[in-house]
C-alpha atoms as a PDB file:
ATOM      1  CA  MET A   1      44.293 -34.200  41.320  1.00  0.00           C
ATOM      2  CA  THR A   2      43.450 -37.481  39.974  1.00  0.00           C
ATOM      3  CA  ALA A   3      45.861 -39.201  37.589  1.00  0.00           C
ATOM      4  CA  ARG A   4      44.080 -40.476  34.471  1.00  0.00           C
ATOM      5  CA  VAL A   5      45.354 -43.996  33.211  1.00  0.00           C
ATOM      6  CA  GLU A   6      44.257 -44.606  29.700  1.00  0.00           C
ATOM      7  CA  ARG A   7      42.678 -48.074  28.920  1.00  0.00           C
ATOM      8  CA  SER A   8      41.813 -49.590  25.859  1.00  0.00           C
ATOM      9  CA  ALA A   9      39.944 -52.865  24.751  1.00  0.00           C
ATOM     10  CA  VAL A  10      42.073 -55.566  23.142  1.00  0.00           C
ATOM     11  CA  SER A  11      40.472 -57.885  20.597  1.00  0.00           C
ATOM     12  CA  THR A  12      41.752 -60.837  18.296  1.00  0.00           C
ATOM     13  CA  GLU A  13      40.075 -63.314  15.797  1.00  0.00           C
ATOM     14  CA  ARG A  14      42.895 -65.982  16.789  1.00  0.00           C
ATOM     15  CA  ALA A  15      40.896 -66.339  20.169  1.00  0.00           C
ATOM     16  CA  ALA A  16      36.958 -67.001  20.942  1.00  0.00           C
ATOM     17  CA  PRO A  17      35.122 -63.944  20.859  1.00  0.00           C
ATOM     18  CA  ALA A  18      33.543 -62.313  23.823  1.00  0.00           C
ATOM     19  CA  THR A  19      30.200 -63.447  24.305  1.00  0.00           C
ATOM     20  CA  GLY A  20      28.707 -60.621  26.127  1.00  0.00           C
ATOM     21  CA  PRO A  21      29.371 -56.780  27.021  1.00  0.00           C
ATOM     22  CA  TYR A  22      32.789 -57.343  27.854  1.00  0.00           C
ATOM     23  CA  SER A  23      36.373 -57.148  26.164  1.00  0.00           C
ATOM     24  CA  GLN A  24      38.746 -59.956  25.727  1.00  0.00           C
ATOM     25  CA  ALA A  25      41.419 -57.778  27.436  1.00  0.00           C
ATOM     26  CA  ILE A  26      41.957 -54.152  28.467  1.00  0.00           C
ATOM     27  CA  ARG A  27      45.349 -52.738  28.599  1.00  0.00           C
ATOM     28  CA  ALA A  28      45.833 -50.224  31.451  1.00  0.00           C
ATOM     29  CA  GLY A  29      48.654 -48.926  33.330  1.00  0.00           C
ATOM     30  CA  GLY A  30      51.244 -51.011  32.197  1.00  0.00           C
ATOM     31  CA  LEU A  31      48.775 -54.136  32.555  1.00  0.00           C
ATOM     32  CA  VAL A  32      46.849 -56.339  30.411  1.00  0.00           C
ATOM     33  CA  PHE A  33      43.617 -57.828  32.302  1.00  0.00           C
ATOM     34  CA  VAL A  34      42.706 -61.020  30.387  1.00  0.00           C
ATOM     35  CA  ALA A  35      39.041 -62.225  30.543  1.00  0.00           C
ATOM     36  CA  GLY A  36      38.234 -65.575  31.154  1.00  0.00           C
ATOM     37  CA  GLN A  37      39.022 -67.812  28.419  1.00  0.00           C
ATOM     38  CA  ILE A  38      37.382 -71.113  27.913  1.00  0.00           C
ATOM     39  CA  GLY A  39      38.035 -74.026  25.377  1.00  0.00           C
ATOM     40  CA  LEU A  40      36.317 -72.571  22.329  1.00  0.00           C
ATOM     41  CA  ASP A  41      37.756 -73.198  19.065  1.00  0.00           C
ATOM     42  CA  PRO A  42      38.004 -69.520  17.275  1.00  0.00           C
ATOM     43  CA  ALA A  43      37.727 -71.087  13.838  1.00  0.00           C
ATOM     44  CA  SER A  44      35.040 -73.381  14.250  1.00  0.00           C
ATOM     45  CA  GLY A  45      33.153 -72.104  17.569  1.00  0.00           C
ATOM     46  CA  ASP A  46      33.059 -75.679  18.687  1.00  0.00           C
ATOM     47  CA  MET A  47      33.854 -76.409  22.387  1.00  0.00           C
ATOM     48  CA  ALA A  48      37.157 -78.838  22.816  1.00  0.00           C
ATOM     49  CA  GLY A  49      36.179 -82.563  23.926  1.00  0.00           C
ATOM     50  CA  GLY A  50      36.917 -83.348  27.446  1.00  0.00           C
ATOM     51  CA  VAL A  51      38.735 -81.268  30.365  1.00  0.00           C
ATOM     52  CA  ALA A  52      42.421 -81.424  28.979  1.00  0.00           C
ATOM     53  CA  ALA A  53      41.293 -80.448  25.259  1.00  0.00           C
ATOM     54  CA  GLN A  54      39.593 -77.587  26.811  1.00  0.00           C
ATOM     55  CA  ALA A  55      42.463 -76.593  29.041  1.00  0.00           C
ATOM     56  CA  GLU A  56      44.535 -76.654  26.215  1.00  0.00           C
ATOM     57  CA  GLN A  57      42.349 -74.350  24.092  1.00  0.00           C
ATOM     58  CA  ALA A  58      41.659 -71.839  26.826  1.00  0.00           C
ATOM     59  CA  LEU A  59      45.580 -71.418  27.336  1.00  0.00           C
ATOM     60  CA  ALA A  60      45.754 -71.091  23.543  1.00  0.00           C
ATOM     61  CA  ASN A  61      43.141 -68.643  23.598  1.00  0.00           C
ATOM     62  CA  LEU A  62      44.685 -66.839  26.442  1.00  0.00           C
ATOM     63  CA  GLU A  63      48.175 -66.810  24.391  1.00  0.00           C
ATOM     64  CA  ALA A  64      46.598 -65.545  21.519  1.00  0.00           C
ATOM     65  CA  VAL A  65      44.701 -62.486  23.460  1.00  0.00           C
ATOM     66  CA  LEU A  66      48.191 -61.601  25.284  1.00  0.00           C
ATOM     67  CA  ALA A  67      49.729 -61.326  21.961  1.00  0.00           C
ATOM     68  CA  ALA A  68      47.102 -59.451  20.777  1.00  0.00           C
ATOM     69  CA  ALA A  69      47.765 -56.874  23.790  1.00  0.00           C
ATOM     70  CA  GLY A  70      51.527 -56.336  23.329  1.00  0.00           C
ATOM     71  CA  SER A  71      52.129 -59.181  25.991  1.00  0.00           C
ATOM     72  CA  GLY A  72      52.936 -62.852  26.461  1.00  0.00           C
ATOM     73  CA  ILE A  73      52.434 -65.727  28.447  1.00  0.00           C
ATOM     74  CA  ASP A  74      55.951 -65.170  29.906  1.00  0.00           C
ATOM     75  CA  LEU A  75      54.605 -62.036  31.396  1.00  0.00           C
ATOM     76  CA  VAL A  76      51.524 -63.274  33.284  1.00  0.00           C
ATOM     77  CA  THR A  77      51.671 -62.237  36.983  1.00  0.00           C
ATOM     78  CA  LYS A  78      48.516 -63.958  38.266  1.00  0.00           C
ATOM     79  CA  THR A  79      46.128 -66.293  37.206  1.00  0.00           C
ATOM     80  CA  THR A  80      42.742 -67.604  38.203  1.00  0.00           C
ATOM     81  CA  VAL A  81      41.457 -71.101  37.155  1.00  0.00           C
ATOM     82  CA  PHE A  82      37.756 -72.037  37.328  1.00  0.00           C
ATOM     83  CA  ILE A  83      36.946 -75.528  37.021  1.00  0.00           C
ATOM     84  CA  THR A  84      33.590 -77.401  37.307  1.00  0.00           C
ATOM     85  CA  ASP A  85      34.879 -80.369  39.189  1.00  0.00           C
ATOM     86  CA  MET A  86      37.757 -80.298  41.471  1.00  0.00           C
ATOM     87  CA  ASP A  87      38.553 -84.064  40.614  1.00  0.00           C
ATOM     88  CA  ASP A  88      39.984 -82.388  37.502  1.00  0.00           C
ATOM     89  CA  PHE A  89      42.496 -80.291  39.211  1.00  0.00           C
ATOM     90  CA  ALA A  90      45.447 -82.554  38.585  1.00  0.00           C
ATOM     91  CA  THR A  91      44.490 -82.839  34.793  1.00  0.00           C
ATOM     92  CA  VAL A  92      44.160 -78.982  34.221  1.00  0.00           C
ATOM     93  CA  ASN A  93      47.276 -78.510  36.408  1.00  0.00           C
ATOM     94  CA  GLU A  94      49.465 -80.528  34.033  1.00  0.00           C
ATOM     95  CA  VAL A  95      48.203 -78.872  30.913  1.00  0.00           C
ATOM     96  CA  TYR A  96      48.740 -75.318  32.784  1.00  0.00           C
ATOM     97  CA  GLY A  97      52.304 -76.509  33.603  1.00  0.00           C
ATOM     98  CA  ARG A  98      53.068 -77.164  30.157  1.00  0.00           C
ATOM     99  CA  HIS A  99      52.193 -73.328  28.928  1.00  0.00           C
ATOM    100  CA  LEU A 100      53.440 -71.432  31.974  1.00  0.00           C
ATOM    101  CA  ARG A 101      57.097 -71.230  33.024  1.00  0.00           C
ATOM    102  CA  GLU A 102      58.822 -70.451  36.222  1.00  0.00           C
ATOM    103  CA  PRO A 103      58.870 -68.312  37.994  1.00  0.00           C
ATOM    104  CA  TYR A 104      55.036 -69.448  37.794  1.00  0.00           C
ATOM    105  CA  PRO A 105      52.284 -66.578  38.237  1.00  0.00           C
ATOM    106  CA  ALA A 106      50.429 -66.651  41.322  1.00  0.00           C
ATOM    107  CA  ARG A 107      47.171 -68.522  40.969  1.00  0.00           C
ATOM    108  CA  SER A 108      43.841 -69.173  42.214  1.00  0.00           C
ATOM    109  CA  THR A 109      41.845 -72.469  41.389  1.00  0.00           C
ATOM    110  CA  VAL A 110      38.270 -72.325  42.039  1.00  0.00           C
ATOM    111  CA  ALA A 111      35.694 -74.958  41.596  1.00  0.00           C
ATOM    112  CA  VAL A 112      32.415 -73.312  40.283  1.00  0.00           C
ATOM    113  CA  LYS A 113      28.965 -75.018  39.592  1.00  0.00           C
ATOM    114  CA  GLN A 114      28.738 -73.986  35.997  1.00  0.00           C
ATOM    115  CA  LEU A 115      30.799 -72.120  33.359  1.00  0.00           C
ATOM    116  CA  PRO A 116      29.625 -70.227  30.124  1.00  0.00           C
ATOM    117  CA  ARG A 117      28.705 -72.464  27.063  1.00  0.00           C
ATOM    118  CA  GLY A 118      28.974 -75.631  29.348  1.00  0.00           C
ATOM    119  CA  ALA A 119      32.870 -75.204  29.545  1.00  0.00           C
ATOM    120  CA  LEU A 120      34.762 -77.278  32.026  1.00  0.00           C
ATOM    121  CA  VAL A 121      37.675 -74.922  32.491  1.00  0.00           C
ATOM    122  CA  GLU A 122      38.235 -71.103  32.483  1.00  0.00           C
ATOM    123  CA  VAL A 123      41.325 -69.232  32.828  1.00  0.00           C
ATOM    124  CA  GLU A 124      41.724 -65.542  33.347  1.00  0.00           C
ATOM    125  CA  ALA A 125      45.060 -63.764  33.663  1.00  0.00           C
ATOM    126  CA  ILE A 126      46.771 -60.367  34.586  1.00  0.00           C
ATOM    127  CA  ALA A 127      49.917 -59.698  32.659  1.00  0.00           C
ATOM    128  CA  LEU A 128      52.457 -56.883  32.145  1.00  0.00           C
ATOM    129  CA  ALA A 129      52.289 -54.887  28.791  1.00  0.00           C
ATOM    130  CA  THR A 130      55.800 -55.052  27.153  1.00  0.00           C
ATOM    131  CA  ASP A 131      55.932 -51.432  26.341  1.00  0.00           C
ATOM    132  CA  GLY A 132      54.605 -50.366  29.756  1.00  0.00           C
ATOM    133  CA  SER A 133      51.548 -48.230  28.530  1.00  0.00           C
END
């Protein structure tokens, strides 16, 4: 017999909207899976300027989606950071370190050729849901 895990989509206007057939996040099995967040300002629809500002906005978007999902940045267990230029690693790492605290989540950082909407950085995460659902 296969156990059925309920899953539900998460959406908030406090983060950049999904730009395709995907959810901002999915809650399933006591976890929250947050789609990649870029440095798009949800109010204006504009991309932040420069890699540091984009990393700040991407992490602010991540925090907004986590809050809407009943989680928080302190419950993040794994992140993946995508950057278009590995020379920006130190800058993104410094911004990342201001948002996440010890014990730091496990993390992968990957250099990619291109990101949606010309973004320079994108951050996705897996977190614990606060109520275990």
